[in-house]
């Protein structure tokens, strides 16, 4: 995968991908400079095949198909999940 210019990148993620049992056996590294064309490197969580590609992706969630086993991995929005976790947190005590 090409080096990422973090100053110019509009989107960057590097995270684990779960299989059907919830085990994090895969990984995706993805970035975009224009939020249209995405460059990614994936280790399939189902068969372990490693591949990379660049393509225009539509709106999220993104489903990226493994060319080896044909299974698709979901690259979800993690911002929404983080907001939900913050919203569901109990209030912080004032006296700490």
Protein backbone atom coordinates (compact mmCIF):
# COMPACT_ATOMS: atom_id res chain seq x y z
CA UNK A 1 0.00 0.00 0.00
CA UNK A 2 1.23 3.47 -0.79
CA UNK A 3 2.30 5.76 2.02
CA UNK A 4 -0.44 8.00 3.42
CA UNK A 5 -0.01 11.77 3.49
CA UNK A 6 -1.97 12.36 6.70
CA UNK A 7 -1.99 16.15 6.17
CA UNK A 8 -3.95 15.71 2.92
CA UNK A 9 -6.13 12.74 3.85
CA UNK A 10 -9.85 13.33 4.32
CA UNK A 11 -10.45 9.85 5.74
CA UNK A 12 -8.14 7.29 7.37
CA UNK A 13 -8.92 4.12 9.32
CA UNK A 14 -6.89 1.15 10.48
CA UNK A 15 -8.90 -1.38 12.44
CA UNK A 16 -9.78 -4.99 13.02
CA UNK A 17 -12.63 -6.74 11.19
CA UNK A 18 -14.78 -9.40 12.87
CA UNK A 19 -15.85 -12.70 11.35
CA UNK A 20 -19.36 -14.16 11.82
CA UNK A 21 -18.46 -15.36 15.34
CA UNK A 22 -17.39 -11.85 16.38
CA UNK A 23 -13.71 -12.81 16.49
CA UNK A 24 -11.48 -10.04 15.15
CA UNK A 25 -9.50 -12.13 12.67
CA UNK A 26 -9.29 -9.56 9.86
CA UNK A 27 -7.97 -6.04 9.38
CA UNK A 28 -8.63 -3.06 7.12
CA UNK A 29 -6.36 -0.10 6.45
CA UNK A 30 -8.14 2.51 4.32
CA UNK A 31 -7.70 6.14 3.32
CA UNK A 32 -9.03 8.75 0.91
CA UNK A 33 -7.87 12.19 -0.14
CA UNK A 34 -11.20 13.26 -1.65
CA UNK A 35 -13.90 11.11 0.06
CA UNK A 36 -14.63 9.53 -3.33
CA UNK A 37 -11.75 7.23 -4.21
CA UNK A 38 -10.68 4.99 -1.35
CA UNK A 39 -7.42 3.05 -1.16
CA UNK A 40 -7.54 0.00 1.05
CA UNK A 41 -5.63 -3.05 2.17
CA UNK A 42 -7.61 -5.87 3.78
CA UNK A 43 -6.96 -9.16 5.48
CA UNK A 44 -10.23 -11.07 5.04
CA UNK A 45 -11.68 -12.09 8.43
CA UNK A 46 -13.19 -15.23 6.87
CA UNK A 47 -10.36 -16.82 4.85
CA UNK A 48 -7.27 -14.73 5.76
CA UNK A 49 -6.60 -13.67 2.14
CA UNK A 50 -4.79 -10.32 1.92
CA UNK A 51 -5.57 -7.94 -0.92
CA UNK A 52 -5.58 -4.25 -1.77
CA UNK A 53 -7.44 -2.03 -4.19
CA UNK A 54 -8.48 1.53 -4.98
CA UNK A 55 -12.05 2.29 -5.96
CA UNK A 56 -14.85 4.80 -5.73
CA UNK A 57 -17.19 3.84 -2.94
CA UNK A 58 -20.72 5.14 -2.41
CA UNK A 59 -22.34 5.95 0.90
CA UNK A 60 -21.64 3.93 4.01
CA UNK A 61 -21.66 1.30 5.21
CA UNK A 62 -19.11 -0.04 2.74
CA UNK A 63 -19.13 -3.72 1.85
CA UNK A 64 -15.85 -4.92 0.36
CA UNK A 65 -15.82 -8.38 -1.21
CA UNK A 66 -12.88 -10.74 -0.87
CA UNK A 67 -11.75 -11.94 -4.31
CA UNK A 68 -10.67 -15.28 -2.80
CA UNK A 69 -13.73 -16.49 -0.85
CA UNK A 70 -16.41 -14.06 -2.11
CA UNK A 71 -17.48 -13.01 1.40
CA UNK A 72 -18.02 -9.32 2.09
CA UNK A 73 -16.61 -7.35 5.01
CA UNK A 74 -18.53 -4.39 6.38
CA UNK A 75 -16.50 -1.25 7.06
CA UNK A 76 -18.93 0.54 9.38
CA UNK A 77 -18.92 4.14 10.52
CA UNK A 78 -17.16 4.16 13.85
CA UNK A 79 -17.99 7.81 14.59
CA UNK A 80 -21.66 6.94 15.14
CA UNK A 81 -20.73 4.11 17.50
CA UNK A 82 -18.44 6.41 19.50
CA UNK A 83 -21.17 9.06 19.83
CA UNK A 84 -23.58 6.40 21.06
CA UNK A 85 -21.08 5.21 23.70
CA UNK A 86 -20.57 8.77 24.95
CA UNK A 87 -24.32 9.42 25.04
CA UNK A 88 -24.96 6.27 27.10
CA UNK A 89 -22.27 7.03 29.69
CA UNK A 90 -23.35 7.96 33.20
CA UNK A 91 -22.72 11.56 34.28
CA UNK A 92 -19.34 12.24 35.86
CA UNK A 93 -19.35 12.95 39.62
CA UNK A 94 -18.78 16.65 40.43
CA UNK A 95 -16.61 16.04 43.49
CA UNK A 96 -13.66 14.25 41.82
